[in-house]
Amino acid sequence: MEPQQKLIDRFYGILRPPSRGEVREITWAKNLWTPKIDYYGGGDAFKIRVILPGVQKGDIDLEFVDGKIIIKGERKYEIEEEEVDKWHYESYYGQFQRIIAIPETVKVNEKAHAVFENGILTITMEKMQLVQPMKIPIV
């Protein structure tokens, strides 16, 4: 069977509801996890919220490079396979990375900070004050 056909068969097999008593192991799903993000600005702050259920604080890496915030980490699969006879899981595990381009109106400086609480990483950065238009007198 051709590799492409195997991939298509696996894809449609996952979409098909399982037969009664059928158990499927979806090994490739461990590498497809991408956390959801929200970002918004209001007042003098720009915030990014990253939804990271099941991730430990020590498994997250956060850095600012070339105008982008890079969020990397890993959600670890913590159930020993020897503990269960059959299993079904819909959660994704493994490494993830999100790269977010920061608007030019946002300053990433020593005031930037991140808080990780209840599975949500909130990154806060300062917005630059925009110069208000004004008339320049001619002397």
N, C-alpha and C. Protein backbone atom coordinates (compact mmCIF):
# COMPACT_ATOMS: atom_id res chain seq x y z
N MET A 1 0.86 -1.18 0.00
CA MET A 1 0.00 0.00 0.00
C MET A 1 0.90 1.24 0.00
N GLU A 2 0.53 2.23 -0.77
CA GLU A 2 1.31 3.47 -0.88
C GLU A 2 1.25 4.25 0.43
N PRO A 3 2.34 4.98 0.79
CA PRO A 3 2.34 5.76 2.05
C PRO A 3 1.19 6.77 2.11
N GLN A 4 0.87 7.40 0.99
CA GLN A 4 -0.23 8.38 0.99
C GLN A 4 -1.56 7.71 1.31
N GLN A 5 -1.76 6.51 0.76
CA GLN A 5 -3.01 5.79 1.00
C GLN A 5 -3.13 5.38 2.46
N LYS A 6 -1.99 4.97 3.07
CA LYS A 6 -2.01 4.63 4.49
C LYS A 6 -2.40 5.83 5.34
N LEU A 7 -1.87 7.00 4.97
CA LEU A 7 -2.19 8.23 5.70
C LEU A 7 -3.67 8.56 5.57
N ILE A 8 -4.21 8.44 4.36
CA ILE A 8 -5.63 8.73 4.13
C ILE A 8 -6.50 7.74 4.90
N ASP A 9 -6.13 6.45 4.86
CA ASP A 9 -6.90 5.43 5.59
C ASP A 9 -6.88 5.71 7.09
N ARG A 10 -5.72 6.10 7.61
CA ARG A 10 -5.62 6.40 9.04
C ARG A 10 -6.48 7.61 9.39
N PHE A 11 -6.44 8.66 8.54
CA PHE A 11 -7.22 9.87 8.78
C PHE A 11 -8.71 9.55 8.83
N TYR A 12 -9.24 8.83 7.82
CA TYR A 12 -10.66 8.52 7.80
C TYR A 12 -11.04 7.53 8.89
N GLY A 13 -10.10 6.67 9.29
CA GLY A 13 -10.36 5.76 10.39
C GLY A 13 -10.55 6.49 11.70
N ILE A 14 -9.83 7.59 11.88
CA ILE A 14 -9.96 8.39 13.10
C ILE A 14 -11.30 9.12 13.11
N LEU A 15 -11.74 9.60 11.93
CA LEU A 15 -13.01 10.32 11.87
C LEU A 15 -14.20 9.38 12.06
N ARG A 16 -14.06 8.12 11.67
CA ARG A 16 -15.13 7.15 11.79
C ARG A 16 -15.36 6.84 13.27
N PRO A 17 -16.61 6.84 13.72
CA PRO A 17 -16.87 6.48 15.12
C PRO A 17 -16.39 5.06 15.39
N PRO A 18 -15.83 4.79 16.58
CA PRO A 18 -15.35 3.45 16.87
C PRO A 18 -16.50 2.46 16.97
N SER A 19 -16.21 1.22 16.57
CA SER A 19 -17.19 0.15 16.73
C SER A 19 -17.32 -0.16 18.22
N ARG A 20 -18.41 -0.82 18.56
CA ARG A 20 -18.61 -1.16 19.97
C ARG A 20 -17.45 -2.02 20.47
N GLY A 21 -16.82 -1.57 21.54
CA GLY A 21 -15.71 -2.30 22.12
C GLY A 21 -14.36 -2.06 21.45
N GLU A 22 -14.34 -1.27 20.37
CA GLU A 22 -13.09 -1.01 19.68
C GLU A 22 -12.26 0.02 20.44
N VAL A 23 -10.98 -0.21 20.53
CA VAL A 23 -10.06 0.72 21.17
C VAL A 23 -9.01 1.09 20.14
N ARG A 24 -8.77 2.39 19.99
CA ARG A 24 -7.77 2.85 19.03
C ARG A 24 -6.67 3.61 19.74
N GLU A 25 -5.45 3.37 19.33
CA GLU A 25 -4.33 4.16 19.83
C GLU A 25 -3.94 5.10 18.70
N ILE A 26 -3.96 6.38 18.97
CA ILE A 26 -3.63 7.38 17.95
C ILE A 26 -2.26 7.93 18.31
N THR A 27 -1.23 7.23 17.91
CA THR A 27 0.11 7.61 18.34
C THR A 27 0.57 8.92 17.73
N TRP A 28 0.17 9.21 16.50
CA TRP A 28 0.63 10.44 15.85
C TRP A 28 0.03 11.67 16.49
N ALA A 29 -1.10 11.54 17.21
CA ALA A 29 -1.75 12.70 17.82
C ALA A 29 -0.89 13.34 18.90
N LYS A 30 0.06 12.59 19.45
CA LYS A 30 0.90 13.14 20.50
C LYS A 30 1.74 14.32 20.02
N ASN A 31 1.94 14.45 18.71
CA ASN A 31 2.80 15.49 18.18
C ASN A 31 2.04 16.62 17.48
N LEU A 32 0.75 16.67 17.63
CA LEU A 32 -0.05 17.66 16.90
C LEU A 32 -0.69 18.70 17.80
N TRP A 33 -0.23 18.86 19.00
CA TRP A 33 -0.90 19.74 19.94
C TRP A 33 -0.43 21.18 19.77
N THR A 34 -1.38 22.08 19.66
CA THR A 34 -1.09 23.51 19.59
C THR A 34 -2.01 24.22 20.57
N PRO A 35 -1.46 24.89 21.58
CA PRO A 35 -2.33 25.57 22.55
C PRO A 35 -3.04 26.76 21.92
N LYS A 36 -4.20 27.06 22.43
CA LYS A 36 -4.99 28.20 21.96
C LYS A 36 -4.46 29.48 22.59
N ILE A 37 -4.54 30.58 21.85
CA ILE A 37 -4.09 31.87 22.38
C ILE A 37 -5.13 32.95 22.14
N ASP A 38 -5.13 33.94 23.00
CA ASP A 38 -5.91 35.16 22.84
C ASP A 38 -4.92 36.30 23.02
N TYR A 39 -5.04 37.34 22.24
CA TYR A 39 -4.24 38.53 22.53
C TYR A 39 -5.08 39.76 22.30
N TYR A 40 -4.82 40.76 23.14
CA TYR A 40 -5.66 41.95 23.13
C TYR A 40 -4.91 43.09 23.78
N GLY A 41 -5.32 44.30 23.46
CA GLY A 41 -4.72 45.49 24.06
C GLY A 41 -5.81 46.39 24.59
N GLY A 42 -5.52 47.03 25.67
CA GLY A 42 -6.46 47.97 26.27
C GLY A 42 -5.70 48.88 27.21
N GLY A 43 -6.03 50.16 27.20
CA GLY A 43 -5.32 51.09 28.07
C GLY A 43 -3.86 51.16 27.68
N ASP A 44 -2.97 50.93 28.63
CA ASP A 44 -1.54 51.02 28.34
C ASP A 44 -0.87 49.65 28.30
N ALA A 45 -1.66 48.57 28.16
CA ALA A 45 -1.08 47.22 28.17
C ALA A 45 -1.53 46.40 26.96
N PHE A 46 -0.67 45.50 26.54
CA PHE A 46 -0.96 44.51 25.51
C PHE A 46 -0.76 43.15 26.16
N LYS A 47 -1.76 42.26 26.06
CA LYS A 47 -1.69 40.98 26.76
C LYS A 47 -1.87 39.82 25.79
N ILE A 48 -1.17 38.75 26.12
CA ILE A 48 -1.33 37.48 25.41
C ILE A 48 -1.70 36.44 26.46
N ARG A 49 -2.79 35.70 26.20
CA ARG A 49 -3.19 34.60 27.08
C ARG A 49 -3.00 33.30 26.32
N VAL A 50 -2.30 32.37 26.94
CA VAL A 50 -2.06 31.06 26.33
C VAL A 50 -2.71 30.02 27.22
N ILE A 51 -3.61 29.24 26.66
CA ILE A 51 -4.34 28.23 27.42
C ILE A 51 -3.51 26.94 27.42
N LEU A 52 -3.02 26.55 28.61
CA LEU A 52 -2.09 25.43 28.73
C LEU A 52 -2.52 24.43 29.80
N PRO A 53 -3.68 23.79 29.65
CA PRO A 53 -4.09 22.83 30.68
C PRO A 53 -3.14 21.64 30.72
N GLY A 54 -2.82 21.22 31.93
CA GLY A 54 -1.97 20.05 32.09
C GLY A 54 -0.49 20.29 31.90
N VAL A 55 -0.09 21.53 31.66
CA VAL A 55 1.32 21.86 31.48
C VAL A 55 1.85 22.42 32.80
N GLN A 56 3.05 22.01 33.17
CA GLN A 56 3.68 22.52 34.38
C GLN A 56 4.48 23.77 34.05
N LYS A 57 4.56 24.68 34.99
CA LYS A 57 5.28 25.95 34.82
C LYS A 57 6.72 25.71 34.35
N GLY A 58 7.39 24.72 34.90
CA GLY A 58 8.77 24.43 34.54
C GLY A 58 8.94 23.88 33.13
N ASP A 59 7.84 23.50 32.47
CA ASP A 59 7.90 22.96 31.11
C ASP A 59 7.60 24.01 30.05
N ILE A 60 7.60 25.29 30.45
CA ILE A 60 7.31 26.39 29.51
C ILE A 60 8.54 27.25 29.36
N ASP A 61 8.85 27.63 28.12
CA ASP A 61 9.96 28.53 27.82
C ASP A 61 9.38 29.71 27.05
N LEU A 62 9.75 30.90 27.45
CA LEU A 62 9.20 32.12 26.86
C LEU A 62 10.34 33.06 26.53
N GLU A 63 10.38 33.54 25.28
CA GLU A 63 11.43 34.49 24.91
C GLU A 63 10.94 35.46 23.85
N PHE A 64 11.65 36.58 23.74
CA PHE A 64 11.35 37.62 22.76
C PHE A 64 12.55 37.70 21.82
N VAL A 65 12.31 37.48 20.52
CA VAL A 65 13.37 37.50 19.52
C VAL A 65 12.85 38.18 18.25
N ASP A 66 13.57 39.20 17.77
CA ASP A 66 13.26 39.85 16.49
C ASP A 66 11.79 40.25 16.36
N GLY A 67 11.25 40.88 17.38
CA GLY A 67 9.87 41.36 17.30
C GLY A 67 8.81 40.28 17.47
N LYS A 68 9.19 39.11 17.94
CA LYS A 68 8.24 38.01 18.12
C LYS A 68 8.38 37.41 19.51
N ILE A 69 7.24 37.03 20.09
CA ILE A 69 7.22 36.26 21.32
C ILE A 69 7.19 34.79 20.92
N ILE A 70 8.11 34.00 21.46
CA ILE A 70 8.16 32.57 21.17
C ILE A 70 7.82 31.83 22.46
N ILE A 71 6.76 31.03 22.38
CA ILE A 71 6.30 30.25 23.52
C ILE A 71 6.52 28.78 23.17
N LYS A 72 7.35 28.10 23.94
CA LYS A 72 7.63 26.68 23.71
C LYS A 72 7.34 25.92 24.99
N GLY A 73 7.04 24.67 24.84
CA GLY A 73 6.85 23.85 26.02
C GLY A 73 6.46 22.44 25.67
N GLU A 74 6.01 21.74 26.70
CA GLU A 74 5.62 20.35 26.51
C GLU A 74 4.56 19.96 27.53
N ARG A 75 3.55 19.26 27.03
CA ARG A 75 2.58 18.64 27.92
C ARG A 75 2.92 17.16 27.92
N LYS A 76 3.25 16.64 29.08
CA LYS A 76 3.75 15.27 29.18
C LYS A 76 2.61 14.29 29.42
N TYR A 77 2.74 13.15 28.78
CA TYR A 77 1.80 12.05 28.97
C TYR A 77 2.22 11.33 30.24
N GLU A 78 1.38 11.35 31.27
CA GLU A 78 1.81 10.89 32.59
C GLU A 78 1.18 9.57 33.03
N ILE A 79 0.48 8.89 32.16
CA ILE A 79 -0.10 7.60 32.53
C ILE A 79 0.82 6.50 32.00
N GLU A 80 1.23 5.64 32.89
CA GLU A 80 2.08 4.51 32.49
C GLU A 80 1.20 3.51 31.74
N GLU A 81 1.63 3.12 30.55
CA GLU A 81 0.83 2.21 29.74
C GLU A 81 0.65 0.85 30.38
N GLU A 82 1.55 0.48 31.30
CA GLU A 82 1.41 -0.79 32.00
C GLU A 82 0.24 -0.77 32.98
N GLU A 83 -0.26 0.43 33.33
CA GLU A 83 -1.33 0.55 34.32
C GLU A 83 -2.70 0.23 33.74
N VAL A 84 -2.85 0.22 32.41
CA VAL A 84 -4.17 0.05 31.80
C VAL A 84 -4.15 -1.06 30.75
N ASP A 85 -5.30 -1.73 30.61
CA ASP A 85 -5.43 -2.75 29.56
C ASP A 85 -5.85 -2.12 28.25
N LYS A 86 -6.81 -1.21 28.32
CA LYS A 86 -7.33 -0.53 27.14
C LYS A 86 -7.36 0.95 27.45
N TRP A 87 -7.24 1.77 26.45
CA TRP A 87 -7.29 3.21 26.70
C TRP A 87 -7.88 3.93 25.51
N HIS A 88 -8.39 5.08 25.79
CA HIS A 88 -8.91 6.00 24.77
C HIS A 88 -8.60 7.39 25.28
N TYR A 89 -7.95 8.17 24.47
CA TYR A 89 -7.72 9.54 24.89
C TYR A 89 -7.93 10.48 23.73
N GLU A 90 -8.43 11.65 24.05
CA GLU A 90 -8.68 12.68 23.06
C GLU A 90 -7.79 13.89 23.28
N SER A 91 -7.02 13.88 24.34
CA SER A 91 -6.11 14.98 24.64
C SER A 91 -4.82 14.80 23.85
N TYR A 92 -4.20 15.91 23.52
CA TYR A 92 -2.94 15.88 22.81
C TYR A 92 -1.80 16.11 23.78
N TYR A 93 -0.70 15.45 23.53
CA TYR A 93 0.47 15.56 24.37
C TYR A 93 1.68 15.80 23.48
N GLY A 94 2.74 16.27 24.10
CA GLY A 94 3.98 16.46 23.36
C GLY A 94 4.41 17.91 23.39
N GLN A 95 5.40 18.21 22.56
CA GLN A 95 5.94 19.55 22.50
C GLN A 95 5.05 20.46 21.68
N PHE A 96 5.12 21.74 21.99
CA PHE A 96 4.38 22.74 21.22
C PHE A 96 5.24 23.98 21.08
N GLN A 97 4.87 24.81 20.11
CA GLN A 97 5.53 26.10 19.94
C GLN A 97 4.54 27.04 19.26
N ARG A 98 4.43 28.23 19.79
CA ARG A 98 3.65 29.30 19.17
C ARG A 98 4.54 30.51 19.02
N ILE A 99 4.48 31.16 17.88
CA ILE A 99 5.26 32.37 17.62
C ILE A 99 4.27 33.47 17.27
N ILE A 100 4.35 34.58 18.02
CA ILE A 100 3.40 35.67 17.86
C ILE A 100 4.18 36.94 17.54
N ALA A 101 3.88 37.54 16.38
CA ALA A 101 4.50 38.81 16.02
C ALA A 101 3.88 39.91 16.88
N ILE A 102 4.73 40.71 17.49
CA ILE A 102 4.27 41.77 18.39
C ILE A 102 4.10 43.05 17.59
N PRO A 103 2.97 43.76 17.76
CA PRO A 103 2.77 45.02 17.04
C PRO A 103 3.87 46.04 17.38
N GLU A 104 4.17 46.90 16.45
CA GLU A 104 5.21 47.91 16.67
C GLU A 104 4.87 48.88 17.78
N THR A 105 3.60 48.97 18.14
CA THR A 105 3.18 49.89 19.20
C THR A 105 3.37 49.30 20.59
N VAL A 106 3.96 48.11 20.67
CA VAL A 106 4.18 47.45 21.97
C VAL A 106 5.67 47.43 22.27
N LYS A 107 6.01 47.80 23.52
CA LYS A 107 7.39 47.77 23.98
C LYS A 107 7.61 46.50 24.79
N VAL A 108 8.64 45.77 24.43
CA VAL A 108 9.02 44.62 25.24
C VAL A 108 10.29 45.05 25.98
N ASN A 109 10.11 45.38 27.25
CA ASN A 109 11.22 45.87 28.06
C ASN A 109 11.16 45.21 29.44
N GLU A 110 11.87 45.81 30.41
CA GLU A 110 11.91 45.21 31.75
C GLU A 110 10.55 45.20 32.44
N LYS A 111 9.58 45.96 31.94
CA LYS A 111 8.24 45.94 32.53
C LYS A 111 7.41 44.75 32.05
N ALA A 112 7.86 44.10 30.98
CA ALA A 112 7.13 42.93 30.48
C ALA A 112 7.24 41.80 31.50
N HIS A 113 6.13 41.10 31.72
CA HIS A 113 6.14 39.99 32.67
C HIS A 113 5.09 38.96 32.29
N ALA A 114 5.26 37.76 32.85
CA ALA A 114 4.33 36.67 32.57
C ALA A 114 3.92 36.02 33.89
N VAL A 115 2.66 35.61 33.95
CA VAL A 115 2.12 34.94 35.13
C VAL A 115 1.48 33.64 34.64
N PHE A 116 1.77 32.54 35.32
CA PHE A 116 1.18 31.25 34.99
C PHE A 116 0.33 30.79 36.17
N GLU A 117 -0.99 30.73 35.93
CA GLU A 117 -1.91 30.39 37.02
C GLU A 117 -3.08 29.60 36.46
N ASN A 118 -3.38 28.48 37.10
CA ASN A 118 -4.51 27.62 36.73
C ASN A 118 -4.49 27.22 35.25
N GLY A 119 -3.31 26.92 34.73
CA GLY A 119 -3.19 26.47 33.35
C GLY A 119 -3.27 27.56 32.31
N ILE A 120 -3.21 28.82 32.73
CA ILE A 120 -3.26 29.94 31.79
C ILE A 120 -2.02 30.80 31.98
N LEU A 121 -1.27 30.98 30.89
CA LEU A 121 -0.10 31.85 30.89
C LEU A 121 -0.54 33.21 30.35
N THR A 122 -0.35 34.26 31.15
CA THR A 122 -0.70 35.62 30.72
C THR A 122 0.57 36.44 30.64
N ILE A 123 0.85 36.93 29.44
CA ILE A 123 2.03 37.75 29.20
C ILE A 123 1.56 39.18 29.04
N THR A 124 2.14 40.11 29.80
CA THR A 124 1.73 41.51 29.76
C THR A 124 2.91 42.36 29.32
N MET A 125 2.67 43.23 28.33
CA MET A 125 3.69 44.14 27.82
C MET A 125 3.12 45.55 27.76
N GLU A 126 3.99 46.51 27.79
CA GLU A 126 3.59 47.91 27.80
C GLU A 126 3.35 48.40 26.37
N LYS A 127 2.26 49.14 26.19
CA LYS A 127 2.01 49.78 24.89
C LYS A 127 2.68 51.16 24.88
N MET A 128 3.22 51.53 23.74
CA MET A 128 3.85 52.85 23.63
C MET A 128 2.77 53.91 23.54
N GLN A 129 3.07 55.06 24.11
CA GLN A 129 2.16 56.19 24.00
C GLN A 129 2.31 56.78 22.61
N LEU A 130 1.22 56.90 21.91
CA LEU A 130 1.26 57.48 20.58
C LEU A 130 1.33 59.00 20.68
N VAL A 131 2.12 59.57 19.82
CA VAL A 131 2.24 61.03 19.81
C VAL A 131 0.97 61.61 19.19
N GLN A 132 0.36 62.52 19.93
CA GLN A 132 -0.86 63.14 19.46
C GLN A 132 -0.53 64.17 18.38
N PRO A 133 -1.36 64.29 17.37
CA PRO A 133 -1.10 65.31 16.34
C PRO A 133 -1.16 66.70 16.97
N MET A 134 -0.30 67.56 16.49
CA MET A 134 -0.28 68.94 17.00
C MET A 134 0.20 69.88 15.90
N LYS A 135 -0.16 71.09 16.03
CA LYS A 135 0.25 72.11 15.08
C LYS A 135 1.62 72.65 15.51
N ILE A 136 2.50 72.80 14.56
CA ILE A 136 3.84 73.32 14.84
C ILE A 136 3.87 74.77 14.34
N PRO A 137 4.12 75.70 15.24
CA PRO A 137 4.14 77.11 14.82
C PRO A 137 5.39 77.42 13.96
N ILE A 138 5.19 78.27 12.99
CA ILE A 138 6.30 78.73 12.14
C ILE A 138 6.75 80.09 12.66
N VAL A 139 8.04 80.25 12.94
CA VAL A 139 8.55 81.54 13.44
C VAL A 139 9.34 82.27 12.38
